[in-house]
Structures are given as C-alpha cells and as structure tokens.
PDB file of N, CA and C in Angstrom:
ATOM      1  N   MET A   1     -65.307 -59.666  99.768  1.00  0.00           N
ATOM      2  CA  MET A   1     -64.694 -60.602  98.851  1.00  0.00           C
ATOM      3  C   MET A   1     -63.220 -60.725  99.197  1.00  0.00           C
ATOM      4  N   ASP A   2     -62.747 -61.931  99.295  1.00  0.00           N
ATOM      5  CA  ASP A   2     -61.357 -62.191  99.629  1.00  0.00           C
ATOM      6  C   ASP A   2     -60.543 -62.272  98.341  1.00  0.00           C
ATOM      7  N   LEU A   3     -59.534 -61.400  98.200  1.00  0.00           N
ATOM      8  CA  LEU A   3     -58.727 -61.354  96.976  1.00  0.00           C
ATOM      9  C   LEU A   3     -57.820 -62.567  96.834  1.00  0.00           C
ATOM     10  N   SER A   4     -57.545 -63.252  97.904  1.00  0.00           N
ATOM     11  CA  SER A   4     -56.670 -64.418  97.819  1.00  0.00           C
ATOM     12  C   SER A   4     -57.322 -65.556  97.018  1.00  0.00           C
ATOM     13  N   ASP A   5     -58.656 -65.526  96.875  1.00  0.00           N
ATOM     14  CA  ASP A   5     -59.344 -66.550  96.097  1.00  0.00           C
ATOM     15  C   ASP A   5     -59.029 -66.444  94.608  1.00  0.00           C
ATOM     16  N   THR A   6     -58.786 -65.211  94.121  1.00  0.00           N
ATOM     17  CA  THR A   6     -58.547 -65.018  92.692  1.00  0.00           C
ATOM     18  C   THR A   6     -57.072 -65.121  92.325  1.00  0.00           C
ATOM     19  N   SER A   7     -56.176 -65.116  93.283  1.00  0.00           N
ATOM     20  CA  SER A   7     -54.742 -65.166  93.014  1.00  0.00           C
ATOM     21  C   SER A   7     -54.316 -66.593  92.672  1.00  0.00           C
ATOM     22  N   PRO A   8     -53.474 -66.760  91.623  1.00  0.00           N
ATOM     23  CA  PRO A   8     -53.008 -68.103  91.288  1.00  0.00           C
ATOM     24  C   PRO A   8     -51.944 -68.614  92.268  1.00  0.00           C
ATOM     25  N   HIS A   9     -51.400 -67.721  93.105  1.00  0.00           N
ATOM     26  CA  HIS A   9     -50.352 -68.107  94.053  1.00  0.00           C
ATOM     27  C   HIS A   9     -50.928 -68.181  95.463  1.00  0.00           C
ATOM     28  N   THR A  10     -50.553 -69.203  96.189  1.00  0.00           N
ATOM     29  CA  THR A  10     -50.971 -69.315  97.579  1.00  0.00           C
ATOM     30  C   THR A  10     -49.729 -69.478  98.433  1.00  0.00           C
ATOM     31  N   GLY A  11     -49.844 -69.156  99.663  1.00  0.00           N
ATOM     32  CA  GLY A  11     -48.709 -69.295 100.564  1.00  0.00           C
ATOM     33  C   GLY A  11     -47.809 -68.070 100.530  1.00  0.00           C
ATOM     34  N   PRO A  12     -46.552 -68.213 100.989  1.00  0.00           N
ATOM     35  CA  PRO A  12     -45.651 -67.059 101.027  1.00  0.00           C
ATOM     36  C   PRO A  12     -45.293 -66.584  99.609  1.00  0.00           C
ATOM     37  N   ARG A  13     -44.895 -65.319  99.526  1.00  0.00           N
ATOM     38  CA  ARG A  13     -44.554 -64.708  98.238  1.00  0.00           C
ATOM     39  C   ARG A  13     -43.322 -65.407  97.646  1.00  0.00           C
ATOM     40  N   PRO A  14     -43.387 -65.866  96.378  1.00  0.00           N
ATOM     41  CA  PRO A  14     -42.223 -66.539  95.783  1.00  0.00           C
ATOM     42  C   PRO A  14     -41.122 -65.533  95.449  1.00  0.00           C
ATOM     43  N   LYS A  15     -39.886 -65.992  95.438  1.00  0.00           N
ATOM     44  CA  LYS A  15     -38.744 -65.128  95.090  1.00  0.00           C
ATOM     45  C   LYS A  15     -38.560 -65.076  93.568  1.00  0.00           C
ATOM     46  N   SER A  16     -38.915 -66.178  92.885  1.00  0.00           N
ATOM     47  CA  SER A  16     -38.812 -66.204  91.427  1.00  0.00           C
ATOM     48  C   SER A  16     -39.893 -67.126  90.863  1.00  0.00           C
ATOM     49  N   LEU A  17     -40.226 -66.891  89.603  1.00  0.00           N
ATOM     50  CA  LEU A  17     -41.254 -67.671  88.911  1.00  0.00           C
ATOM     51  C   LEU A  17     -40.808 -67.930  87.477  1.00  0.00           C
ATOM     52  N   ARG A  18     -41.497 -68.848  86.833  1.00  0.00           N
ATOM     53  CA  ARG A  18     -41.248 -69.091  85.413  1.00  0.00           C
ATOM     54  C   ARG A  18     -42.258 -68.282  84.594  1.00  0.00           C
ATOM     55  N   CYS A  19     -41.775 -67.665  83.514  1.00  0.00           N
ATOM     56  CA  CYS A  19     -42.622 -66.897  82.609  1.00  0.00           C
ATOM     57  C   CYS A  19     -43.542 -67.875  81.876  1.00  0.00           C
ATOM     58  N   VAL A  20     -44.825 -67.536  81.792  1.00  0.00           N
ATOM     59  CA  VAL A  20     -45.765 -68.428  81.122  1.00  0.00           C
ATOM     60  C   VAL A  20     -45.583 -68.429  79.608  1.00  0.00           C
ATOM     61  N   GLN A  21     -44.943 -67.414  79.065  1.00  0.00           N
ATOM     62  CA  GLN A  21     -44.751 -67.334  77.623  1.00  0.00           C
ATOM     63  C   GLN A  21     -43.469 -68.038  77.177  1.00  0.00           C
ATOM     64  N   CYS A  22     -42.323 -67.671  77.781  1.00  0.00           N
ATOM     65  CA  CYS A  22     -41.038 -68.207  77.305  1.00  0.00           C
ATOM     66  C   CYS A  22     -40.426 -69.244  78.251  1.00  0.00           C
ATOM     67  N   ASN A  23     -41.019 -69.446  79.404  1.00  0.00           N
ATOM     68  CA  ASN A  23     -40.582 -70.461  80.375  1.00  0.00           C
ATOM     69  C   ASN A  23     -39.227 -70.139  81.021  1.00  0.00           C
ATOM     70  N   LYS A  24     -38.805 -68.868  80.984  1.00  0.00           N
ATOM     71  CA  LYS A  24     -37.565 -68.451  81.646  1.00  0.00           C
ATOM     72  C   LYS A  24     -37.866 -68.076  83.103  1.00  0.00           C
ATOM     73  N   TRP A  25     -36.890 -68.267  83.967  1.00  0.00           N
ATOM     74  CA  TRP A  25     -37.043 -67.841  85.351  1.00  0.00           C
ATOM     75  C   TRP A  25     -36.861 -66.331  85.434  1.00  0.00           C
ATOM     76  N   PHE A  26     -37.667 -65.661  86.294  1.00  0.00           N
ATOM     77  CA  PHE A  26     -37.493 -64.230  86.537  1.00  0.00           C
ATOM     78  C   PHE A  26     -37.766 -63.949  88.005  1.00  0.00           C
ATOM     79  N   LYS A  27     -37.127 -62.903  88.505  1.00  0.00           N
ATOM     80  CA  LYS A  27     -37.284 -62.543  89.915  1.00  0.00           C
ATOM     81  C   LYS A  27     -38.592 -61.788  90.121  1.00  0.00           C
ATOM     82  N   VAL A  28     -39.246 -62.095  91.235  1.00  0.00           N
ATOM     83  CA  VAL A  28     -40.485 -61.417  91.598  1.00  0.00           C
ATOM     84  C   VAL A  28     -40.126 -60.234  92.474  1.00  0.00           C
ATOM     85  N   LYS A  29     -40.721 -59.065  92.210  1.00  0.00           N
ATOM     86  CA  LYS A  29     -40.463 -57.872  93.013  1.00  0.00           C
ATOM     87  C   LYS A  29     -41.024 -58.091  94.422  1.00  0.00           C
ATOM     88  N   PRO A  30     -40.393 -57.492  95.410  1.00  0.00           N
ATOM     89  CA  PRO A  30     -40.830 -57.745  96.794  1.00  0.00           C
ATOM     90  C   PRO A  30     -42.212 -57.197  97.135  1.00  0.00           C
ATOM     91  N   VAL A  31     -42.702 -56.218  96.390  1.00  0.00           N
ATOM     92  CA  VAL A  31     -44.038 -55.657  96.655  1.00  0.00           C
ATOM     93  C   VAL A  31     -44.824 -55.568  95.357  1.00  0.00           C
ATOM     94  N   GLY A  32     -46.120 -55.444  95.489  1.00  0.00           N
ATOM     95  CA  GLY A  32     -46.966 -55.278  94.311  1.00  0.00           C
ATOM     96  C   GLY A  32     -47.513 -56.598  93.812  1.00  0.00           C
ATOM     97  N   ALA A  33     -48.168 -56.514  92.682  1.00  0.00           N
ATOM     98  CA  ALA A  33     -48.778 -57.710  92.096  1.00  0.00           C
ATOM     99  C   ALA A  33     -47.701 -58.660  91.597  1.00  0.00           C
ATOM    100  N   ILE A  34     -47.974 -59.932  91.714  1.00  0.00           N
ATOM    101  CA  ILE A  34     -47.031 -60.947  91.241  1.00  0.00           C
ATOM    102  C   ILE A  34     -47.294 -61.150  89.753  1.00  0.00           C
ATOM    103  N   GLY A  35     -46.290 -60.897  88.938  1.00  0.00           N
ATOM    104  CA  GLY A  35     -46.443 -60.984  87.498  1.00  0.00           C
ATOM    105  C   GLY A  35     -46.393 -62.415  86.986  1.00  0.00           C
ATOM    106  N   MET A  36     -46.832 -62.575  85.754  1.00  0.00           N
ATOM    107  CA  MET A  36     -46.798 -63.889  85.119  1.00  0.00           C
ATOM    108  C   MET A  36     -45.765 -63.934  83.997  1.00  0.00           C
ATOM    109  N   TYR A  37     -45.265 -62.766  83.593  1.00  0.00           N
ATOM    110  CA  TYR A  37     -44.362 -62.678  82.453  1.00  0.00           C
ATOM    111  C   TYR A  37     -43.039 -62.049  82.890  1.00  0.00           C
ATOM    112  N   CYS A  38     -41.956 -62.459  82.208  1.00  0.00           N
ATOM    113  CA  CYS A  38     -40.638 -61.935  82.570  1.00  0.00           C
ATOM    114  C   CYS A  38     -40.410 -60.542  82.011  1.00  0.00           C
ATOM    115  N   SER A  39     -41.113 -60.169  80.934  1.00  0.00           N
ATOM    116  CA  SER A  39     -40.911 -58.856  80.319  1.00  0.00           C
ATOM    117  C   SER A  39     -42.187 -58.427  79.599  1.00  0.00           C
ATOM    118  N   GLY A  40     -42.175 -57.165  79.185  1.00  0.00           N
ATOM    119  CA  GLY A  40     -43.295 -56.657  78.409  1.00  0.00           C
ATOM    120  C   GLY A  40     -43.390 -57.337  77.052  1.00  0.00           C
ATOM    121  N   LYS A  41     -42.236 -57.747  76.526  1.00  0.00           N
ATOM    122  CA  LYS A  41     -42.211 -58.438  75.230  1.00  0.00           C
ATOM    123  C   LYS A  41     -42.998 -59.749  75.307  1.00  0.00           C
ATOM    124  N   CYS A  42     -42.788 -60.522  76.370  1.00  0.00           N
ATOM    125  CA  CYS A  42     -43.514 -61.786  76.544  1.00  0.00           C
ATOM    126  C   CYS A  42     -44.998 -61.541  76.788  1.00  0.00           C
ATOM    127  N   LYS A  43     -45.320 -60.491  77.520  1.00  0.00           N
ATOM    128  CA  LYS A  43     -46.713 -60.167  77.790  1.00  0.00           C
ATOM    129  C   LYS A  43     -47.429 -59.806  76.487  1.00  0.00           C
ATOM    130  N   GLN A  44     -46.754 -59.008  75.634  1.00  0.00           N
ATOM    131  CA  GLN A  44     -47.333 -58.624  74.350  1.00  0.00           C
ATOM    132  C   GLN A  44     -47.489 -59.836  73.437  1.00  0.00           C
ATOM    133  N   ALA A  45     -46.485 -60.730  73.423  1.00  0.00           N
ATOM    134  CA  ALA A  45     -46.555 -61.930  72.582  1.00  0.00           C
ATOM    135  C   ALA A  45     -47.716 -62.820  73.013  1.00  0.00           C
ATOM    136  N   ALA A  46     -47.937 -62.953  74.322  1.00  0.00           N
ATOM    137  CA  ALA A  46     -49.048 -63.765  74.820  1.00  0.00           C
ATOM    138  C   ALA A  46     -50.384 -63.146  74.427  1.00  0.00           C
ATOM    139  N   PHE A  47     -50.486 -61.823  74.494  1.00  0.00           N
ATOM    140  CA  PHE A  47     -51.721 -61.144  74.102  1.00  0.00           C
ATOM    141  C   PHE A  47     -51.997 -61.350  72.614  1.00  0.00           C
ATOM    142  N   GLN A  48     -50.968 -61.194  71.784  1.00  0.00           N
ATOM    143  CA  GLN A  48     -51.153 -61.368  70.343  1.00  0.00           C
ATOM    144  C   GLN A  48     -51.549 -62.796  70.009  1.00  0.00           C
ATOM    145  N   MET A  49     -50.978 -63.773  70.714  1.00  0.00           N
ATOM    146  CA  MET A  49     -51.345 -65.167  70.486  1.00  0.00           C
ATOM    147  C   MET A  49     -52.806 -65.394  70.859  1.00  0.00           C
ATOM    148  N   LYS A  50     -53.238 -64.801  71.972  1.00  0.00           N
ATOM    149  CA  LYS A  50     -54.634 -64.946  72.403  1.00  0.00           C
ATOM    150  C   LYS A  50     -55.568 -64.333  71.373  1.00  0.00           C
ATOM    151  N   VAL A  51     -55.226 -63.156  70.847  1.00  0.00           N
ATOM    152  CA  VAL A  51     -56.057 -62.491  69.844  1.00  0.00           C
ATOM    153  C   VAL A  51     -56.105 -63.335  68.578  1.00  0.00           C
ATOM    154  N   ARG A  52     -54.958 -63.872  68.153  1.00  0.00           N
ATOM    155  CA  ARG A  52     -54.896 -64.687  66.945  1.00  0.00           C
ATOM    156  C   ARG A  52     -55.759 -65.939  67.080  1.00  0.00           C
ATOM    157  N   LEU A  53     -55.769 -66.537  68.254  1.00  0.00           N
ATOM    158  CA  LEU A  53     -56.515 -67.777  68.461  1.00  0.00           C
ATOM    159  C   LEU A  53     -58.016 -67.543  68.601  1.00  0.00           C
ATOM    160  N   THR A  54     -58.412 -66.358  69.074  1.00  0.00           N
ATOM    161  CA  THR A  54     -59.827 -66.104  69.304  1.00  0.00           C
ATOM    162  C   THR A  54     -60.482 -65.338  68.163  1.00  0.00           C
ATOM    163  N   ARG A  55     -59.698 -64.802  67.220  1.00  0.00           N
ATOM    164  CA  ARG A  55     -60.270 -64.055  66.097  1.00  0.00           C
ATOM    165  C   ARG A  55     -61.001 -65.016  65.164  1.00  0.00           C
ATOM    166  N   PRO A  56     -62.208 -64.664  64.723  1.00  0.00           N
ATOM    167  CA  PRO A  56     -62.923 -65.568  63.812  1.00  0.00           C
ATOM    168  C   PRO A  56     -62.193 -65.665  62.471  1.00  0.00           C
ATOM    169  N   LYS A  57     -62.168 -66.857  61.929  1.00  0.00           N
ATOM    170  CA  LYS A  57     -61.502 -67.094  60.650  1.00  0.00           C
ATOM    171  C   LYS A  57     -62.412 -66.632  59.509  1.00  0.00           C
ATOM    172  N   PRO A  58     -61.847 -65.961  58.496  1.00  0.00           N
ATOM    173  CA  PRO A  58     -62.690 -65.564  57.368  1.00  0.00           C
ATOM    174  C   PRO A  58     -63.096 -66.780  56.544  1.00  0.00           C
ATOM    175  N   GLU A  59     -64.283 -66.687  55.960  1.00  0.00           N
ATOM    176  CA  GLU A  59     -64.779 -67.784  55.131  1.00  0.00           C
ATOM    177  C   GLU A  59     -63.918 -67.874  53.874  1.00  0.00           C
ATOM    178  N   PRO A  60     -63.493 -69.070  53.484  1.00  0.00           N
ATOM    179  CA  PRO A  60     -62.692 -69.170  52.261  1.00  0.00           C
ATOM    180  C   PRO A  60     -63.544 -68.865  51.040  1.00  0.00           C
ATOM    181  N   LYS A  61     -62.938 -68.147  50.088  1.00  0.00           N
ATOM    182  CA  LYS A  61     -63.654 -67.812  48.864  1.00  0.00           C
ATOM    183  C   LYS A  61     -63.749 -69.055  47.995  1.00  0.00           C
ATOM    184  N   PRO A  62     -64.887 -69.224  47.320  1.00  0.00           N
ATOM    185  CA  PRO A  62     -64.979 -70.377  46.429  1.00  0.00           C
ATOM    186  C   PRO A  62     -63.994 -70.207  45.273  1.00  0.00           C
ATOM    187  N   LYS A  63     -63.327 -71.282  44.911  1.00  0.00           N
ATOM    188  CA  LYS A  63     -62.322 -71.208  43.862  1.00  0.00           C
ATOM    189  C   LYS A  63     -63.009 -71.103  42.505  1.00  0.00           C
ATOM    190  N   GLN A  64     -62.543 -70.140  41.735  1.00  0.00           N
ATOM    191  CA  GLN A  64     -63.034 -69.956  40.383  1.00  0.00           C
ATOM    192  C   GLN A  64     -62.228 -70.854  39.452  1.00  0.00           C
ATOM    193  N   PRO A  65     -62.867 -71.427  38.445  1.00  0.00           N
ATOM    194  CA  PRO A  65     -62.108 -72.255  37.515  1.00  0.00           C
ATOM    195  C   PRO A  65     -61.118 -71.389  36.751  1.00  0.00           C
ATOM    196  N   LYS A  66     -59.929 -71.929  36.512  1.00  0.00           N
ATOM    197  CA  LYS A  66     -58.896 -71.206  35.783  1.00  0.00           C
ATOM    198  C   LYS A  66     -59.320 -71.058  34.325  1.00  0.00           C
ATOM    199  N   VAL A  67     -59.166 -69.847  33.801  1.00  0.00           N
ATOM    200  CA  VAL A  67     -59.455 -69.580  32.401  1.00  0.00           C
ATOM    201  C   VAL A  67     -58.114 -69.523  31.683  1.00  0.00           C
ATOM    202  N   SER A  68     -58.023 -70.239  30.571  1.00  0.00           N
ATOM    203  CA  SER A  68     -56.747 -70.288  29.856  1.00  0.00           C
ATOM    204  C   SER A  68     -56.418 -68.925  29.258  1.00  0.00           C
ATOM    205  N   LEU A  69     -55.154 -68.724  28.965  1.00  0.00           N
ATOM    206  CA  LEU A  69     -54.695 -67.472  28.393  1.00  0.00           C
ATOM    207  C   LEU A  69     -55.352 -67.230  27.040  1.00  0.00           C
ATOM    208  N   GLU A  70     -55.491 -68.284  26.251  1.00  0.00           N
ATOM    209  CA  GLU A  70     -56.114 -68.143  24.930  1.00  0.00           C
ATOM    210  C   GLU A  70     -57.552 -67.650  25.057  1.00  0.00           C
ATOM    211  N   ASP A  71     -58.284 -68.201  26.027  1.00  0.00           N
ATOM    212  CA  ASP A  71     -59.672 -67.792  26.224  1.00  0.00           C
ATOM    213  C   ASP A  71     -59.762 -66.337  26.689  1.00  0.00           C
ATOM    214  N   ARG A  72     -58.841 -65.937  27.570  1.00  0.00           N
ATOM    215  CA  ARG A  72     -58.842 -64.550  28.047  1.00  0.00           C
ATOM    216  C   ARG A  72     -58.536 -63.581  26.916  1.00  0.00           C
ATOM    217  N   VAL A  73     -57.559 -63.923  26.069  1.00  0.00           N
ATOM    218  CA  VAL A  73     -57.222 -63.062  24.938  1.00  0.00           C
ATOM    219  C   VAL A  73     -58.394 -62.991  23.974  1.00  0.00           C
ATOM    220  N   ALA A  74     -59.021 -64.131  23.691  1.00  0.00           N
ATOM    221  CA  ALA A  74     -60.154 -64.156  22.779  1.00  0.00           C
ATOM    222  C   ALA A  74     -61.298 -63.291  23.305  1.00  0.00           C
ATOM    223  N   MET A  75     -61.596 -63.378  24.596  1.00  0.00           N
ATOM    224  CA  MET A  75     -62.674 -62.570  25.178  1.00  0.00           C
ATOM    225  C   MET A  75     -62.336 -61.079  25.114  1.00  0.00           C
ATOM    226  N   ARG A  76     -61.071 -60.742  25.339  1.00  0.00           N
ATOM    227  CA  ARG A  76     -60.658 -59.336  25.301  1.00  0.00           C
ATOM    228  C   ARG A  76     -60.769 -58.777  23.879  1.00  0.00           C
ATOM    229  N   VAL A  77     -60.312 -59.542  22.888  1.00  0.00           N
ATOM    230  CA  VAL A  77     -60.411 -59.110  21.498  1.00  0.00           C
ATOM    231  C   VAL A  77     -61.877 -58.968  21.113  1.00  0.00           C
ATOM    232  N   TYR A  78     -62.702 -59.933  21.481  1.00  0.00           N
ATOM    233  CA  TYR A  78     -64.133 -59.882  21.181  1.00  0.00           C
ATOM    234  C   TYR A  78     -64.758 -58.627  21.795  1.00  0.00           C
ATOM    235  N   GLN A  79     -64.418 -58.328  23.064  1.00  0.00           N
ATOM    236  CA  GLN A  79     -64.976 -57.162  23.735  1.00  0.00           C
ATOM    237  C   GLN A  79     -64.518 -55.880  23.064  1.00  0.00           C
ATOM    238  N   MET A  80     -63.248 -55.820  22.619  1.00  0.00           N
ATOM    239  CA  MET A  80     -62.741 -54.626  21.938  1.00  0.00           C
ATOM    240  C   MET A  80     -63.456 -54.426  20.602  1.00  0.00           C
ATOM    241  N   LEU A  81     -63.702 -55.512  19.874  1.00  0.00           N
ATOM    242  CA  LEU A  81     -64.418 -55.416  18.601  1.00  0.00           C
ATOM    243  C   LEU A  81     -65.859 -54.956  18.822  1.00  0.00           C
ATOM    244  N   LEU A  82     -66.498 -55.441  19.893  1.00  0.00           N
ATOM    245  CA  LEU A  82     -67.848 -54.987  20.218  1.00  0.00           C
ATOM    246  C   LEU A  82     -67.857 -53.503  20.570  1.00  0.00           C
ATOM    247  N   ASP A  83     -66.902 -53.076  21.398  1.00  0.00           N
ATOM    248  CA  ASP A  83     -66.846 -51.684  21.843  1.00  0.00           C
ATOM    249  C   ASP A  83     -66.601 -50.721  20.687  1.00  0.00           C
ATOM    250  N   SER A  84     -65.838 -51.144  19.684  1.00  0.00           N
ATOM    251  CA  SER A  84     -65.525 -50.261  18.553  1.00  0.00           C
ATOM    252  C   SER A  84     -66.542 -50.410  17.416  1.00  0.00           C
ATOM    253  N   ASN A  85     -67.610 -51.148  17.644  1.00  0.00           N
ATOM    254  CA  ASN A  85     -68.697 -51.359  16.680  1.00  0.00           C
ATOM    255  C   ASN A  85     -68.218 -51.986  15.372  1.00  0.00           C
ATOM    256  N   VAL A  86     -67.191 -52.784  15.415  1.00  0.00           N
ATOM    257  CA  VAL A  86     -66.728 -53.508  14.241  1.00  0.00           C
ATOM    258  C   VAL A  86     -67.634 -54.707  14.002  1.00  0.00           C
ATOM    259  N   ILE A  87     -68.081 -55.305  15.089  1.00  0.00           N
ATOM    260  CA  ILE A  87     -69.004 -56.430  14.991  1.00  0.00           C
ATOM    261  C   ILE A  87     -70.216 -56.148  15.868  1.00  0.00           C
ATOM    262  N   VAL A  88     -71.283 -56.850  15.605  1.00  0.00           N
ATOM    263  CA  VAL A  88     -72.474 -56.719  16.436  1.00  0.00           C
ATOM    264  C   VAL A  88     -72.576 -57.968  17.307  1.00  0.00           C
ATOM    265  N   PRO A  89     -73.135 -57.836  18.503  1.00  0.00           N
ATOM    266  CA  PRO A  89     -73.233 -59.015  19.372  1.00  0.00           C
ATOM    267  C   PRO A  89     -74.127 -60.079  18.753  1.00  0.00           C
ATOM    268  N   VAL A  90     -73.712 -61.299  18.918  1.00  0.00           N
ATOM    269  CA  VAL A  90     -74.464 -62.425  18.392  1.00  0.00           C
ATOM    270  C   VAL A  90     -75.227 -63.059  19.547  1.00  0.00           C
ATOM    271  N   ASP A  91     -76.521 -63.219  19.350  1.00  0.00           N
ATOM    272  CA  ASP A  91     -77.324 -63.892  20.377  1.00  0.00           C
ATOM    273  C   ASP A  91     -76.995 -65.371  20.366  1.00  0.00           C
ATOM    274  N   LYS A  92     -76.924 -65.932  21.531  1.00  0.00           N
ATOM    275  CA  LYS A  92     -76.687 -67.365  21.620  1.00  0.00           C
ATOM    276  C   LYS A  92     -77.925 -68.093  21.123  1.00  0.00           C
ATOM    277  N   PRO A  93     -77.742 -69.179  20.385  1.00  0.00           N
ATOM    278  CA  PRO A  93     -78.925 -69.913  19.917  1.00  0.00           C
ATOM    279  C   PRO A  93     -79.671 -70.511  21.105  1.00  0.00           C
ATOM    280  N   LYS A  94     -80.978 -70.409  21.036  1.00  0.00           N
ATOM    281  CA  LYS A  94     -81.799 -70.939  22.126  1.00  0.00           C
ATOM    282  C   LYS A  94     -81.846 -72.454  21.994  1.00  0.00           C
ATOM    283  N   PRO A  95     -81.763 -73.151  23.116  1.00  0.00           N
ATOM    284  CA  PRO A  95     -81.839 -74.610  23.041  1.00  0.00           C
ATOM    285  C   PRO A  95     -83.231 -75.051  22.610  1.00  0.00           C
ATOM    286  N   GLU A  96     -83.263 -76.049  21.790  1.00  0.00           N
ATOM    287  CA  GLU A  96     -84.540 -76.558  21.316  1.00  0.00           C
ATOM    288  C   GLU A  96     -85.253 -77.273  22.452  1.00  0.00           C
ATOM    289  N   PRO A  97     -86.566 -77.069  22.580  1.00  0.00           N
ATOM    290  CA  PRO A  97     -87.278 -77.750  23.665  1.00  0.00           C
ATOM    291  C   PRO A  97     -87.327 -79.253  23.389  1.00  0.00           C
ATOM    292  N   GLU A  98     -87.207 -79.986  24.456  1.00  0.00           N
ATOM    293  CA  GLU A  98     -87.242 -81.444  24.337  1.00  0.00           C
ATOM    294  C   GLU A  98     -88.680 -81.905  24.116  1.00  0.00           C
ATOM    295  N   ASP A  99     -88.812 -82.956  23.354  1.00  0.00           N
ATOM    296  CA  ASP A  99     -90.147 -83.491  23.112  1.00  0.00           C
ATOM    297  C   ASP A  99     -90.672 -84.154  24.385  1.00  0.00           C
ATOM    298  N   GLU A 100     -91.896 -83.786  24.719  1.00  0.00           N
ATOM    299  CA  GLU A 100     -92.498 -84.412  25.898  1.00  0.00           C
ATOM    300  C   GLU A 100     -93.199 -85.675  25.494  1.00  0.00           C
ATOM    301  N   GLN A 101     -92.951 -86.707  26.191  1.00  0.00           N
ATOM    302  CA  GLN A 101     -93.546 -87.998  25.862  1.00  0.00           C
ATOM    303  C   GLN A 101     -94.451 -88.477  26.936  1.00  0.00           C
TER     304      GLN A 101
END
C-alpha cells in the first residue's frame, strides 16, 4: 500500500500551511507528519466541534400545560386535608351514558 495515496499533500513538503480550524498560517516542521492544525488548542476545538455535530440530539420533552398558582395551591391544600383525615376523598360523578338511538 502506498502511503502517498492517503496524504492530503502532494509534491514537495510545504514550508507553511493554513490551520483548518482558525485559518492562521503556521510553519511545518522539516520532518515527521504534516499537521493540519497550528496548535493543540485548535486541534481540540476541531475535535469538540466534530463531537458536537455528530452527537445525537435528545428528543424534546412534550410541553406540559401550565397550571396556575391558584390551582397548585388549591391542590396542595386539598392533599393536606386528605392526608390529615379532615376530609374524605370525593369520587368524581360518573358521566351518564348517552342514549343510543
């Protein structure tokens, strides 16, 4: 396998390149792999951006209808009265069946 096929650079070794993250010019070292980033900070920022873009988005929670303050206070008082046995729970009236025609 020829490694030159996977390298983004062809031809003679460049003396400087532009950072893919911040677009600043930086000098290329005379030996070793040719970098794409000017610093570790840019490399880390590019990695975090890639992770942010590829992470699955959480499903939005269905919005609950807002309950007014009066209703919340009334429910709390009702629950406290039930818990202290001051009142007994009232069954909701059953809806009357509709006449079938």
